[in-house]
């Protein structure tokens, strides 16, 4: 999967401790990687959310949307990366619509208003990574 050139992947990888080299300054010891069990919400509601993990750099939330369910328009004050673990859906912003499935991720800058729609007949499971550090100003979908 190729990513847009301004995509903050290195910053995210470094924040999560997912690589000894990613974003680590010379002379600074990398943070030890940590494993987190992700327990997806399963209440059966049309929209369900749990907070999964948080550190000084990122906050990870897990969202499950039942097929056909729509998460109403909203905005996060922090930049977020949305990626689907399973299912398919669409993220809609003022600048366009972006596919959200296991082969695509969507980056939204802080304050970007967006809505999410799960495809009919699918359970869309989304990992939302809120980035507490700086990030690019423009939304990206791939």
N, C-alpha and C. Protein backbone atom coordinates (compact mmCIF):
# COMPACT_ATOMS: atom_id res chain seq x y z
N UNK A 1 0.85 -1.17 0.00
CA UNK A 1 0.00 0.00 0.00
C UNK A 1 0.89 1.22 0.00
N UNK A 2 0.74 2.09 -0.97
CA UNK A 2 1.50 3.33 -0.99
C UNK A 2 0.70 4.41 -0.29
N UNK A 3 1.40 5.29 0.38
CA UNK A 3 0.75 6.33 1.16
C UNK A 3 1.11 7.70 0.60
N UNK A 4 0.22 8.68 0.76
CA UNK A 4 0.55 10.03 0.31
C UNK A 4 1.83 10.51 0.99
N UNK A 5 2.64 11.35 0.32
CA UNK A 5 3.94 11.74 0.85
C UNK A 5 3.88 12.46 2.18
N UNK A 6 2.80 13.16 2.48
CA UNK A 6 2.74 13.88 3.75
C UNK A 6 2.07 13.07 4.84
N UNK A 7 1.80 11.81 4.59
CA UNK A 7 1.11 10.95 5.55
C UNK A 7 1.98 10.77 6.79
N UNK A 8 1.43 10.93 7.99
CA UNK A 8 2.24 10.95 9.21
C UNK A 8 2.56 9.55 9.76
N UNK A 9 2.83 8.57 8.89
CA UNK A 9 3.06 7.20 9.34
C UNK A 9 4.24 7.08 10.27
N UNK A 10 5.36 7.74 9.96
CA UNK A 10 6.53 7.64 10.83
C UNK A 10 6.25 8.21 12.21
N UNK A 11 5.55 9.33 12.26
CA UNK A 11 5.22 9.92 13.55
C UNK A 11 4.31 9.00 14.36
N UNK A 12 3.37 8.35 13.68
CA UNK A 12 2.47 7.43 14.37
C UNK A 12 3.23 6.21 14.86
N UNK A 13 4.08 5.64 13.99
CA UNK A 13 4.86 4.46 14.37
C UNK A 13 5.76 4.78 15.56
N UNK A 14 6.39 5.94 15.54
CA UNK A 14 7.26 6.31 16.64
C UNK A 14 6.45 6.51 17.92
N UNK A 15 5.29 7.15 17.80
CA UNK A 15 4.45 7.40 18.98
C UNK A 15 3.98 6.11 19.61
N UNK A 16 3.72 5.11 18.79
CA UNK A 16 3.26 3.82 19.31
C UNK A 16 4.42 2.92 19.71
N UNK A 17 5.65 3.34 19.46
CA UNK A 17 6.80 2.50 19.77
C UNK A 17 6.89 1.32 18.83
N UNK A 18 6.54 1.48 17.55
CA UNK A 18 6.48 0.37 16.61
C UNK A 18 7.69 0.28 15.70
N UNK A 19 8.81 0.76 16.11
CA UNK A 19 9.99 0.64 15.26
C UNK A 19 11.17 1.32 15.91
N UNK A 20 12.29 0.65 15.92
CA UNK A 20 13.45 1.21 16.58
C UNK A 20 13.95 2.46 15.86
N UNK A 21 13.72 2.58 14.57
CA UNK A 21 14.25 3.71 13.80
C UNK A 21 13.22 4.80 13.55
N UNK A 22 11.96 4.46 13.51
CA UNK A 22 10.91 5.39 13.06
C UNK A 22 10.84 6.62 13.93
N UNK A 23 11.28 7.75 13.39
CA UNK A 23 11.12 9.02 14.07
C UNK A 23 11.95 9.20 15.32
N UNK A 24 12.97 8.37 15.56
CA UNK A 24 13.76 8.46 16.78
C UNK A 24 15.01 9.28 16.50
N UNK A 25 15.25 10.29 17.32
CA UNK A 25 16.43 11.13 17.16
C UNK A 25 17.68 10.36 17.52
N UNK A 26 18.81 10.76 16.93
CA UNK A 26 20.08 10.14 17.23
C UNK A 26 20.41 10.36 18.70
N UNK A 27 20.85 9.32 19.38
CA UNK A 27 21.24 9.45 20.77
C UNK A 27 20.08 9.28 21.74
N UNK A 28 18.86 9.08 21.25
CA UNK A 28 17.71 8.89 22.12
C UNK A 28 17.26 7.45 22.02
N UNK A 29 17.17 6.79 23.15
CA UNK A 29 16.75 5.38 23.16
C UNK A 29 15.28 5.29 22.77
N UNK A 30 14.92 4.37 21.86
CA UNK A 30 13.52 4.22 21.47
C UNK A 30 12.69 3.66 22.62
N UNK A 31 11.41 4.01 22.62
CA UNK A 31 10.50 3.47 23.63
C UNK A 31 10.33 1.98 23.37
N UNK A 32 10.20 1.21 24.43
CA UNK A 32 9.99 -0.23 24.27
C UNK A 32 8.62 -0.48 23.67
N UNK A 33 8.54 -1.38 22.68
CA UNK A 33 7.23 -1.73 22.11
C UNK A 33 6.32 -2.32 23.19
N UNK A 34 5.04 -2.10 23.03
CA UNK A 34 4.09 -2.68 23.98
C UNK A 34 2.95 -3.30 23.21
N UNK A 35 2.44 -4.38 23.73
CA UNK A 35 1.31 -5.07 23.10
C UNK A 35 0.04 -4.72 23.85
N UNK A 36 -1.02 -4.50 23.12
CA UNK A 36 -2.31 -4.17 23.72
C UNK A 36 -3.36 -5.08 23.11
N UNK A 37 -4.12 -5.76 23.94
CA UNK A 37 -5.22 -6.59 23.43
C UNK A 37 -6.37 -5.66 23.04
N UNK A 38 -6.87 -5.81 21.83
CA UNK A 38 -7.97 -4.97 21.36
C UNK A 38 -9.26 -5.77 21.44
N UNK A 39 -10.11 -5.40 22.37
CA UNK A 39 -11.40 -6.07 22.55
C UNK A 39 -12.47 -5.21 21.91
N UNK A 40 -12.95 -5.65 20.73
CA UNK A 40 -13.93 -4.87 19.98
C UNK A 40 -15.26 -4.85 20.70
N UNK A 41 -15.95 -3.71 20.68
CA UNK A 41 -17.28 -3.62 21.29
C UNK A 41 -18.25 -4.58 20.61
N UNK A 42 -19.08 -5.22 21.39
CA UNK A 42 -20.00 -6.22 20.83
C UNK A 42 -21.38 -6.14 21.44
N UNK A 43 -21.81 -4.95 21.82
CA UNK A 43 -23.10 -4.84 22.50
C UNK A 43 -24.28 -5.08 21.57
N UNK A 44 -24.06 -4.99 20.26
CA UNK A 44 -25.15 -5.15 19.31
C UNK A 44 -25.86 -3.85 18.99
N UNK A 45 -25.45 -2.74 19.62
CA UNK A 45 -26.03 -1.44 19.27
C UNK A 45 -25.57 -1.07 17.86
N UNK A 46 -26.31 -0.18 17.21
CA UNK A 46 -25.93 0.27 15.86
C UNK A 46 -24.53 0.88 15.88
N UNK A 47 -24.20 1.58 16.95
CA UNK A 47 -22.90 2.23 17.08
C UNK A 47 -22.38 1.95 18.49
N UNK A 48 -21.17 1.43 18.59
CA UNK A 48 -20.60 1.11 19.89
C UNK A 48 -19.14 1.54 19.91
N UNK A 49 -18.65 2.01 21.04
CA UNK A 49 -17.30 2.55 21.14
C UNK A 49 -16.67 2.17 22.48
N UNK A 50 -15.38 1.84 22.45
CA UNK A 50 -14.61 1.65 23.68
C UNK A 50 -13.26 2.33 23.50
N UNK A 51 -12.69 2.82 24.59
CA UNK A 51 -11.31 3.32 24.57
C UNK A 51 -10.41 2.12 24.82
N UNK A 52 -9.39 1.93 23.97
CA UNK A 52 -8.56 0.73 24.04
C UNK A 52 -7.19 0.99 24.64
N UNK A 53 -6.60 2.15 24.36
CA UNK A 53 -5.22 2.39 24.76
C UNK A 53 -4.95 3.88 24.73
N UNK A 54 -4.06 4.33 25.62
CA UNK A 54 -3.67 5.74 25.61
C UNK A 54 -2.29 5.88 26.21
N UNK A 55 -1.46 6.74 25.60
CA UNK A 55 -0.20 7.13 26.20
C UNK A 55 -0.02 8.62 25.94
N UNK A 56 1.18 9.14 26.14
CA UNK A 56 1.40 10.57 25.98
C UNK A 56 1.28 11.03 24.53
N UNK A 57 1.42 10.12 23.56
CA UNK A 57 1.44 10.50 22.16
C UNK A 57 0.15 10.20 21.41
N UNK A 58 -0.56 9.13 21.77
CA UNK A 58 -1.75 8.70 21.02
C UNK A 58 -2.84 8.20 21.96
N UNK A 59 -4.06 8.20 21.41
CA UNK A 59 -5.20 7.58 22.07
C UNK A 59 -5.88 6.72 21.02
N UNK A 60 -6.15 5.45 21.35
CA UNK A 60 -6.77 4.53 20.41
C UNK A 60 -8.17 4.18 20.90
N UNK A 61 -9.14 4.38 20.04
CA UNK A 61 -10.51 3.99 20.32
C UNK A 61 -10.96 2.95 19.31
N UNK A 62 -11.85 2.07 19.71
CA UNK A 62 -12.39 1.05 18.82
C UNK A 62 -13.87 1.30 18.65
N UNK A 63 -14.31 1.35 17.41
CA UNK A 63 -15.72 1.62 17.11
C UNK A 63 -16.26 0.49 16.26
N UNK A 64 -17.44 0.00 16.60
CA UNK A 64 -18.14 -0.98 15.77
C UNK A 64 -19.42 -0.32 15.29
N UNK A 65 -19.65 -0.40 13.96
CA UNK A 65 -20.88 0.11 13.35
C UNK A 65 -21.58 -1.06 12.68
N UNK A 66 -22.82 -1.29 13.02
CA UNK A 66 -23.60 -2.34 12.36
C UNK A 66 -23.90 -1.92 10.94
N UNK A 67 -24.11 -2.90 10.05
CA UNK A 67 -24.38 -2.63 8.64
C UNK A 67 -25.48 -1.61 8.44
N UNK A 68 -25.20 -0.59 7.64
CA UNK A 68 -26.16 0.46 7.35
C UNK A 68 -26.19 1.58 8.37
N UNK A 69 -25.51 1.38 9.51
CA UNK A 69 -25.51 2.42 10.55
C UNK A 69 -24.64 3.59 10.13
N UNK A 70 -25.02 4.77 10.56
CA UNK A 70 -24.29 5.99 10.25
C UNK A 70 -23.86 6.68 11.52
N UNK A 71 -22.58 7.01 11.62
CA UNK A 71 -22.10 7.83 12.72
C UNK A 71 -22.31 9.27 12.27
N UNK A 72 -23.12 10.03 13.00
CA UNK A 72 -23.43 11.40 12.57
C UNK A 72 -22.18 12.27 12.45
N UNK A 73 -22.32 13.35 11.71
CA UNK A 73 -21.21 14.27 11.52
C UNK A 73 -20.70 14.77 12.87
N UNK A 74 -19.39 14.79 13.00
CA UNK A 74 -18.75 15.24 14.23
C UNK A 74 -17.30 15.61 13.90
N UNK A 75 -16.55 16.10 14.87
CA UNK A 75 -15.14 16.43 14.67
C UNK A 75 -14.38 16.10 15.94
N UNK A 76 -13.14 15.70 15.78
CA UNK A 76 -12.23 15.49 16.91
C UNK A 76 -11.33 16.71 17.00
N UNK A 77 -11.04 17.18 18.21
CA UNK A 77 -10.10 18.30 18.31
C UNK A 77 -8.68 17.89 17.91
N UNK A 78 -8.37 16.58 17.98
CA UNK A 78 -7.05 16.07 17.62
C UNK A 78 -7.07 15.49 16.21
N UNK A 79 -5.93 15.48 15.52
CA UNK A 79 -5.86 14.76 14.25
C UNK A 79 -6.11 13.27 14.51
N UNK A 80 -6.79 12.58 13.59
CA UNK A 80 -7.08 11.16 13.78
C UNK A 80 -6.77 10.37 12.51
N UNK A 81 -6.38 9.14 12.71
CA UNK A 81 -6.20 8.17 11.64
C UNK A 81 -7.26 7.10 11.85
N UNK A 82 -8.10 6.89 10.83
CA UNK A 82 -9.14 5.87 10.89
C UNK A 82 -8.71 4.70 10.01
N UNK A 83 -8.78 3.49 10.54
CA UNK A 83 -8.47 2.31 9.75
C UNK A 83 -9.44 1.20 10.14
N UNK A 84 -9.89 0.44 9.16
CA UNK A 84 -10.86 -0.62 9.42
C UNK A 84 -10.15 -1.95 9.62
N UNK A 85 -10.51 -2.64 10.69
CA UNK A 85 -10.00 -4.00 10.91
C UNK A 85 -10.84 -4.99 10.12
N UNK A 86 -12.12 -4.68 9.96
CA UNK A 86 -13.01 -5.53 9.16
C UNK A 86 -14.19 -4.70 8.71
N UNK A 87 -14.87 -5.20 7.68
CA UNK A 87 -16.03 -4.50 7.14
C UNK A 87 -15.62 -3.40 6.18
N UNK A 88 -16.66 -2.73 5.67
CA UNK A 88 -16.44 -1.65 4.70
C UNK A 88 -17.37 -0.50 5.02
N UNK A 89 -16.89 0.70 4.69
CA UNK A 89 -17.71 1.87 4.90
C UNK A 89 -17.14 3.05 4.15
N UNK A 90 -17.71 4.22 4.43
CA UNK A 90 -17.30 5.46 3.78
C UNK A 90 -17.19 6.56 4.82
N UNK A 91 -16.12 7.33 4.73
CA UNK A 91 -15.95 8.53 5.55
C UNK A 91 -16.22 9.72 4.64
N UNK A 92 -17.13 10.59 5.06
CA UNK A 92 -17.49 11.75 4.25
C UNK A 92 -17.08 13.02 4.98
N UNK A 93 -16.38 13.90 4.26
CA UNK A 93 -15.98 15.20 4.80
C UNK A 93 -16.47 16.28 3.84
N UNK A 94 -16.20 17.53 4.16
CA UNK A 94 -16.57 18.63 3.26
C UNK A 94 -15.79 18.56 1.95
N UNK A 95 -14.64 17.88 1.96
CA UNK A 95 -13.80 17.84 0.76
C UNK A 95 -13.99 16.57 -0.08
N UNK A 96 -14.78 15.61 0.40
CA UNK A 96 -15.00 14.40 -0.40
C UNK A 96 -15.36 13.19 0.44
N UNK A 97 -15.48 12.05 -0.24
CA UNK A 97 -15.77 10.78 0.42
C UNK A 97 -14.59 9.85 0.23
N UNK A 98 -14.29 9.06 1.28
CA UNK A 98 -13.13 8.18 1.28
C UNK A 98 -13.54 6.78 1.70
N UNK A 99 -13.00 5.77 0.99
CA UNK A 99 -13.27 4.38 1.34
C UNK A 99 -12.60 4.04 2.66
N UNK A 100 -13.31 3.30 3.49
CA UNK A 100 -12.76 2.82 4.75
C UNK A 100 -12.99 1.32 4.80
N UNK A 101 -11.93 0.56 4.65
CA UNK A 101 -11.96 -0.90 4.67
C UNK A 101 -10.56 -1.37 5.05
N UNK A 102 -10.33 -2.68 5.16
CA UNK A 102 -9.01 -3.13 5.59
C UNK A 102 -7.86 -2.73 4.65
N UNK A 103 -8.15 -2.31 3.43
CA UNK A 103 -7.11 -1.89 2.51
C UNK A 103 -6.92 -0.38 2.44
N UNK A 104 -7.69 0.38 3.21
CA UNK A 104 -7.62 1.84 3.15
C UNK A 104 -7.63 2.43 4.55
N UNK A 105 -6.99 3.58 4.69
CA UNK A 105 -7.01 4.35 5.93
C UNK A 105 -7.34 5.79 5.56
N UNK A 106 -7.87 6.52 6.51
CA UNK A 106 -8.22 7.92 6.27
C UNK A 106 -7.62 8.75 7.40
N UNK A 107 -6.88 9.80 7.04
CA UNK A 107 -6.33 10.73 8.01
C UNK A 107 -7.18 12.00 7.99
N UNK A 108 -7.55 12.49 9.18
CA UNK A 108 -8.33 13.72 9.30
C UNK A 108 -7.62 14.66 10.26
N UNK A 109 -7.36 15.90 9.83
CA UNK A 109 -6.76 16.86 10.76
C UNK A 109 -7.73 17.21 11.87
N UNK A 110 -7.21 17.70 12.97
CA UNK A 110 -8.06 18.12 14.08
C UNK A 110 -9.09 19.14 13.62
N UNK A 111 -10.32 18.97 14.08
CA UNK A 111 -11.39 19.89 13.74
C UNK A 111 -12.11 19.57 12.44
N UNK A 112 -11.63 18.59 11.65
CA UNK A 112 -12.27 18.24 10.38
C UNK A 112 -13.59 17.52 10.65
N UNK A 113 -14.69 18.11 10.22
CA UNK A 113 -16.00 17.50 10.41
C UNK A 113 -16.14 16.32 9.45
N UNK A 114 -16.69 15.21 9.95
CA UNK A 114 -16.83 14.01 9.13
C UNK A 114 -17.95 13.12 9.68
N UNK A 115 -18.45 12.26 8.81
CA UNK A 115 -19.45 11.26 9.18
C UNK A 115 -18.96 9.93 8.62
N UNK A 116 -19.42 8.82 9.22
CA UNK A 116 -19.03 7.49 8.76
C UNK A 116 -20.29 6.66 8.53
N UNK A 117 -20.33 5.96 7.40
CA UNK A 117 -21.45 5.09 7.06
C UNK A 117 -20.92 3.69 6.84
N UNK A 118 -21.46 2.69 7.54
CA UNK A 118 -21.09 1.29 7.34
C UNK A 118 -21.92 0.72 6.20
N UNK A 119 -21.29 -0.06 5.32
CA UNK A 119 -22.03 -0.69 4.23
C UNK A 119 -23.08 -1.65 4.79
N UNK A 120 -24.18 -1.73 4.09
CA UNK A 120 -25.28 -2.63 4.46
C UNK A 120 -24.75 -4.06 4.54
N UNK A 121 -25.18 -4.81 5.55
CA UNK A 121 -24.81 -6.21 5.68
C UNK A 121 -23.41 -6.45 6.24
N UNK A 122 -22.70 -5.42 6.64
CA UNK A 122 -21.34 -5.54 7.16
C UNK A 122 -21.28 -4.96 8.57
N UNK A 123 -20.42 -5.52 9.40
CA UNK A 123 -20.06 -4.88 10.66
C UNK A 123 -18.72 -4.21 10.40
N UNK A 124 -18.70 -2.89 10.51
CA UNK A 124 -17.49 -2.12 10.28
C UNK A 124 -16.81 -1.91 11.63
N UNK A 125 -15.59 -2.43 11.76
CA UNK A 125 -14.81 -2.26 12.99
C UNK A 125 -13.66 -1.31 12.68
N UNK A 126 -13.69 -0.14 13.33
CA UNK A 126 -12.75 0.94 13.05
C UNK A 126 -11.83 1.17 14.25
N UNK A 127 -10.53 1.22 13.98
CA UNK A 127 -9.57 1.68 14.99
C UNK A 127 -9.33 3.16 14.72
N UNK A 128 -9.54 3.97 15.73
CA UNK A 128 -9.36 5.42 15.63
C UNK A 128 -8.13 5.78 16.45
N UNK A 129 -7.09 6.28 15.79
CA UNK A 129 -5.87 6.68 16.47
C UNK A 129 -5.83 8.19 16.49
N UNK A 130 -6.03 8.79 17.68
CA UNK A 130 -5.95 10.24 17.85
C UNK A 130 -4.50 10.59 18.16
N UNK A 131 -3.93 11.48 17.36
CA UNK A 131 -2.52 11.83 17.44
C UNK A 131 -2.38 13.08 18.30
N UNK A 132 -1.69 12.97 19.42
CA UNK A 132 -1.57 14.10 20.33
C UNK A 132 -0.46 15.07 19.93
N UNK A 133 0.41 14.70 18.97
CA UNK A 133 1.47 15.57 18.48
C UNK A 133 1.04 16.29 17.23
N UNK A 134 1.95 16.99 16.57
CA UNK A 134 1.65 17.71 15.34
C UNK A 134 1.42 16.75 14.17
N UNK A 135 0.69 17.19 13.17
CA UNK A 135 0.39 16.39 11.98
C UNK A 135 0.06 17.32 10.82
N UNK A 136 0.06 16.80 9.60
CA UNK A 136 -0.27 17.64 8.44
C UNK A 136 -1.66 18.26 8.54
N UNK A 137 -1.88 19.35 7.84
CA UNK A 137 -3.14 20.08 7.94
C UNK A 137 -4.22 19.59 6.98
N UNK A 138 -3.88 18.81 5.95
CA UNK A 138 -4.86 18.41 4.94
C UNK A 138 -5.31 16.97 5.15
N UNK A 139 -6.61 16.65 4.88
CA UNK A 139 -7.08 15.27 5.01
C UNK A 139 -6.52 14.42 3.88
N UNK A 140 -6.34 13.15 4.17
CA UNK A 140 -5.83 12.21 3.16
C UNK A 140 -6.61 10.93 3.26
N UNK A 141 -6.93 10.35 2.13
CA UNK A 141 -7.54 9.03 2.09
C UNK A 141 -6.77 8.16 1.14
N UNK A 142 -6.60 6.91 1.51
CA UNK A 142 -5.94 5.96 0.60
C UNK A 142 -6.52 4.59 0.84
